[in-house]
């Protein structure tokens, strides 16, 4: 199963790009991650497929193990691709949230969308390591 992150705007920071690139590279052997930067919300909406996960501070917060379990269930039902959507600085509207299979919060704090990309890609890598029994994740 491929995980695709659709994000409005580019990272524009070499440090953030390097972090995201490292997690994407590490995830190849677990759950491949593709990062797609789009121009605006309209382009994101046009590109996103189901299942579509919208990142929004009003969404449900999951533990890393819960995220891994949810991804495992999607994989078991034959899902080939999951789109994780990160909006612009204004976030998503009610229609976007209603159209999503899941609305996920990385935190109750409002995060800059560029930082959300880094956090999400690391959590997706972590979920992959949990699913494949790799010792990266320490539950405690």
C-alpha atoms as a PDB file:
ATOM      1  CA  UNK A   1       0.000   0.000   0.000  1.00  0.00           C
ATOM      2  CA  UNK A   2       1.276   3.449  -0.922  1.00  0.00           C
ATOM      3  CA  UNK A   3       0.838   6.450   1.329  1.00  0.00           C
ATOM      4  CA  UNK A   4       0.618   9.760  -0.476  1.00  0.00           C
ATOM      5  CA  UNK A   5       0.911  13.103   1.274  1.00  0.00           C
ATOM      6  CA  UNK A   6      -0.732  15.938  -0.646  1.00  0.00           C
ATOM      7  CA  UNK A   7       0.450  19.251   0.771  1.00  0.00           C
ATOM      8  CA  UNK A   8      -0.316  22.807  -0.246  1.00  0.00           C
ATOM      9  CA  UNK A   9       2.915  24.732  -0.755  1.00  0.00           C
ATOM     10  CA  UNK A  10       6.520  23.646  -0.805  1.00  0.00           C
ATOM     11  CA  UNK A  11       8.661  23.272   2.286  1.00  0.00           C
ATOM     12  CA  UNK A  12      11.043  26.077   1.197  1.00  0.00           C
ATOM     13  CA  UNK A  13      13.466  25.171   3.977  1.00  0.00           C
ATOM     14  CA  UNK A  14      16.466  22.928   3.287  1.00  0.00           C
ATOM     15  CA  UNK A  15      16.417  21.579   6.851  1.00  0.00           C
ATOM     16  CA  UNK A  16      12.755  20.562   6.676  1.00  0.00           C
ATOM     17  CA  UNK A  17      13.242  19.120   3.195  1.00  0.00           C
ATOM     18  CA  UNK A  18      16.151  17.010   4.477  1.00  0.00           C
ATOM     19  CA  UNK A  19      14.087  15.686   7.406  1.00  0.00           C
ATOM     20  CA  UNK A  20      11.141  14.777   5.198  1.00  0.00           C
ATOM     21  CA  UNK A  21      13.457  13.218   2.617  1.00  0.00           C
ATOM     22  CA  UNK A  22      15.102  11.065   5.277  1.00  0.00           C
ATOM     23  CA  UNK A  23      11.777   9.668   6.567  1.00  0.00           C
ATOM     24  CA  UNK A  24      10.517   9.059   3.013  1.00  0.00           C
ATOM     25  CA  UNK A  25      13.734   7.184   2.206  1.00  0.00           C
ATOM     26  CA  UNK A  26      13.559   5.096   5.387  1.00  0.00           C
ATOM     27  CA  UNK A  27       9.917   4.206   4.792  1.00  0.00           C
ATOM     28  CA  UNK A  28      10.512   2.585   1.383  1.00  0.00           C
ATOM     29  CA  UNK A  29      10.894  -0.902   2.833  1.00  0.00           C
ATOM     30  CA  UNK A  30       7.798  -0.603   5.056  1.00  0.00           C
ATOM     31  CA  UNK A  31       5.093   1.649   3.616  1.00  0.00           C
ATOM     32  CA  UNK A  32       6.222   3.711   0.620  1.00  0.00           C
ATOM     33  CA  UNK A  33       5.461   7.405   1.017  1.00  0.00           C
ATOM     34  CA  UNK A  34       5.100   9.848  -1.841  1.00  0.00           C
ATOM     35  CA  UNK A  35       5.058  13.578  -1.106  1.00  0.00           C
ATOM     36  CA  UNK A  36       3.178  15.720  -3.629  1.00  0.00           C
ATOM     37  CA  UNK A  37       3.209  19.494  -3.304  1.00  0.00           C
ATOM     38  CA  UNK A  38       0.300  21.306  -4.909  1.00  0.00           C
ATOM     39  CA  UNK A  39      -0.296  24.976  -5.614  1.00  0.00           C
ATOM     40  CA  UNK A  40      -3.505  25.497  -3.620  1.00  0.00           C
ATOM     41  CA  UNK A  41      -6.515  23.819  -2.027  1.00  0.00           C
ATOM     42  CA  UNK A  42      -8.334  23.557  -5.355  1.00  0.00           C
ATOM     43  CA  UNK A  43      -5.447  21.523  -6.797  1.00  0.00           C
ATOM     44  CA  UNK A  44      -5.349  19.362  -3.670  1.00  0.00           C
ATOM     45  CA  UNK A  45      -9.087  18.652  -3.878  1.00  0.00           C
ATOM     46  CA  UNK A  46      -8.785  17.728  -7.559  1.00  0.00           C
ATOM     47  CA  UNK A  47      -5.870  15.356  -6.957  1.00  0.00           C
ATOM     48  CA  UNK A  48      -6.991  13.608  -3.758  1.00  0.00           C
ATOM     49  CA  UNK A  49      -8.625  10.188  -3.958  1.00  0.00           C
ATOM     50  CA  UNK A  50     -10.379   8.028  -1.365  1.00  0.00           C
ATOM     51  CA  UNK A  51      -9.545   7.014   1.210  1.00  0.00           C
ATOM     52  CA  UNK A  52      -8.710  10.636   1.935  1.00  0.00           C
ATOM     53  CA  UNK A  53      -7.415  11.656   5.352  1.00  0.00           C
ATOM     54  CA  UNK A  54      -7.648  15.360   6.153  1.00  0.00           C
ATOM     55  CA  UNK A  55      -5.271  16.741   8.755  1.00  0.00           C
ATOM     56  CA  UNK A  56      -7.048  19.239  10.967  1.00  0.00           C
ATOM     57  CA  UNK A  57      -6.664  20.194  14.628  1.00  0.00           C
ATOM     58  CA  UNK A  58     -10.366  19.339  15.113  1.00  0.00           C
ATOM     59  CA  UNK A  59      -9.745  15.745  14.095  1.00  0.00           C
ATOM     60  CA  UNK A  60      -9.230  12.651  16.174  1.00  0.00           C
ATOM     61  CA  UNK A  61      -5.851  12.180  17.838  1.00  0.00           C
ATOM     62  CA  UNK A  62      -4.411   8.677  17.578  1.00  0.00           C
ATOM     63  CA  UNK A  63      -1.551   6.957  19.317  1.00  0.00           C
ATOM     64  CA  UNK A  64       1.111   5.712  16.911  1.00  0.00           C
ATOM     65  CA  UNK A  65      -0.010   2.123  17.469  1.00  0.00           C
ATOM     66  CA  UNK A  66      -3.619   3.074  16.639  1.00  0.00           C
ATOM     67  CA  UNK A  67      -2.502   4.720  13.394  1.00  0.00           C
ATOM     68  CA  UNK A  68      -0.531   1.588  12.506  1.00  0.00           C
ATOM     69  CA  UNK A  69      -3.541  -0.626  13.274  1.00  0.00           C
ATOM     70  CA  UNK A  70      -5.835   1.540  11.148  1.00  0.00           C
ATOM     71  CA  UNK A  71      -3.368   1.370   8.231  1.00  0.00           C
ATOM     72  CA  UNK A  72      -3.110  -2.416   8.684  1.00  0.00           C
ATOM     73  CA  UNK A  73      -6.897  -2.715   8.378  1.00  0.00           C
ATOM     74  CA  UNK A  74      -6.880  -0.608   5.204  1.00  0.00           C
ATOM     75  CA  UNK A  75      -4.138  -2.793   3.743  1.00  0.00           C
ATOM     76  CA  UNK A  76      -6.022  -5.970   4.667  1.00  0.00           C
ATOM     77  CA  UNK A  77      -9.139  -4.774   2.863  1.00  0.00           C
ATOM     78  CA  UNK A  78      -7.074  -4.267  -0.294  1.00  0.00           C
ATOM     79  CA  UNK A  79      -6.548  -0.506  -0.235  1.00  0.00           C
ATOM     80  CA  UNK A  80      -3.746   0.360  -2.637  1.00  0.00           C
ATOM     81  CA  UNK A  81      -3.284   4.047  -1.809  1.00  0.00           C
ATOM     82  CA  UNK A  82      -4.195   6.391   1.022  1.00  0.00           C
ATOM     83  CA  UNK A  83      -4.071  10.165   0.582  1.00  0.00           C
ATOM     84  CA  UNK A  84      -3.159  12.329   3.568  1.00  0.00           C
ATOM     85  CA  UNK A  85      -4.088  15.961   2.923  1.00  0.00           C
ATOM     86  CA  UNK A  86      -2.330  18.942   4.491  1.00  0.00           C
ATOM     87  CA  UNK A  87      -3.980  22.251   3.693  1.00  0.00           C
ATOM     88  CA  UNK A  88      -2.684  25.771   3.591  1.00  0.00           C
ATOM     89  CA  UNK A  89      -2.409  28.213   6.498  1.00  0.00           C
ATOM     90  CA  UNK A  90      -6.223  28.520   6.602  1.00  0.00           C
ATOM     91  CA  UNK A  91      -6.831  24.767   6.838  1.00  0.00           C
ATOM     92  CA  UNK A  92      -9.860  22.906   5.542  1.00  0.00           C
ATOM     93  CA  UNK A  93     -13.545  23.787   5.515  1.00  0.00           C
ATOM     94  CA  UNK A  94     -16.539  21.736   6.678  1.00  0.00           C
ATOM     95  CA  UNK A  95     -17.030  20.269   3.195  1.00  0.00           C
ATOM     96  CA  UNK A  96     -13.446  19.008   3.082  1.00  0.00           C
ATOM     97  CA  UNK A  97     -13.802  17.403   6.492  1.00  0.00           C
ATOM     98  CA  UNK A  98     -17.131  15.815   5.527  1.00  0.00           C
ATOM     99  CA  UNK A  99     -15.647  14.360   2.315  1.00  0.00           C
ATOM    100  CA  UNK A 100     -12.762  12.712   4.162  1.00  0.00           C
ATOM    101  CA  UNK A 101     -12.794   9.136   5.360  1.00  0.00           C
ATOM    102  CA  UNK A 102     -11.016  10.329   8.479  1.00  0.00           C
ATOM    103  CA  UNK A 103     -10.128  13.697   9.982  1.00  0.00           C
ATOM    104  CA  UNK A 104      -6.871  13.316  11.848  1.00  0.00           C
ATOM    105  CA  UNK A 105      -5.163  15.708  14.259  1.00  0.00           C
ATOM    106  CA  UNK A 106      -1.440  15.519  14.855  1.00  0.00           C
ATOM    107  CA  UNK A 107      -2.024  17.721  17.898  1.00  0.00           C
ATOM    108  CA  UNK A 108      -4.669  19.950  19.421  1.00  0.00           C
ATOM    109  CA  UNK A 109      -2.173  22.722  18.889  1.00  0.00           C
ATOM    110  CA  UNK A 110      -2.378  24.587  15.610  1.00  0.00           C
ATOM    111  CA  UNK A 111       0.750  23.643  13.669  1.00  0.00           C
ATOM    112  CA  UNK A 112       2.306  25.356  10.683  1.00  0.00           C
ATOM    113  CA  UNK A 113       1.449  23.260   7.635  1.00  0.00           C
ATOM    114  CA  UNK A 114       5.125  22.865   6.785  1.00  0.00           C
ATOM    115  CA  UNK A 115       5.894  21.424  10.210  1.00  0.00           C
ATOM    116  CA  UNK A 116       2.851  19.149   9.899  1.00  0.00           C
ATOM    117  CA  UNK A 117       4.512  17.559   6.842  1.00  0.00           C
ATOM    118  CA  UNK A 118       7.563  16.631   8.919  1.00  0.00           C
ATOM    119  CA  UNK A 119       5.481  15.239  11.786  1.00  0.00           C
ATOM    120  CA  UNK A 120       3.192  13.271   9.481  1.00  0.00           C
ATOM    121  CA  UNK A 121       5.941  11.649   7.440  1.00  0.00           C
ATOM    122  CA  UNK A 122       7.724  10.552  10.640  1.00  0.00           C
ATOM    123  CA  UNK A 123       4.498   9.102  12.070  1.00  0.00           C
ATOM    124  CA  UNK A 124       3.809   7.210   8.847  1.00  0.00           C
ATOM    125  CA  UNK A 125       7.334   5.786   8.962  1.00  0.00           C
ATOM    126  CA  UNK A 126       6.765   4.859  12.622  1.00  0.00           C
ATOM    127  CA  UNK A 127       3.470   3.142  11.716  1.00  0.00           C
ATOM    128  CA  UNK A 128       5.306   1.113   9.083  1.00  0.00           C
ATOM    129  CA  UNK A 129       7.932   0.001  11.581  1.00  0.00           C
ATOM    130  CA  UNK A 130       5.195  -1.053  14.005  1.00  0.00           C
ATOM    131  CA  UNK A 131       3.438  -3.081  11.302  1.00  0.00           C
ATOM    132  CA  UNK A 132       6.632  -4.855  10.280  1.00  0.00           C
ATOM    133  CA  UNK A 133       7.971  -5.469  13.789  1.00  0.00           C
ATOM    134  CA  UNK A 134      10.961  -3.143  13.460  1.00  0.00           C
ATOM    135  CA  UNK A 135      12.334  -1.942  16.834  1.00  0.00           C
ATOM    136  CA  UNK A 136      12.143   1.808  16.016  1.00  0.00           C
ATOM    137  CA  UNK A 137       8.967   2.379  18.050  1.00  0.00           C
ATOM    138  CA  UNK A 138       9.132   2.034  21.845  1.00  0.00           C
ATOM    139  CA  UNK A 139       5.744   1.759  23.482  1.00  0.00           C
ATOM    140  CA  UNK A 140       5.813   2.913  27.037  1.00  0.00           C
END
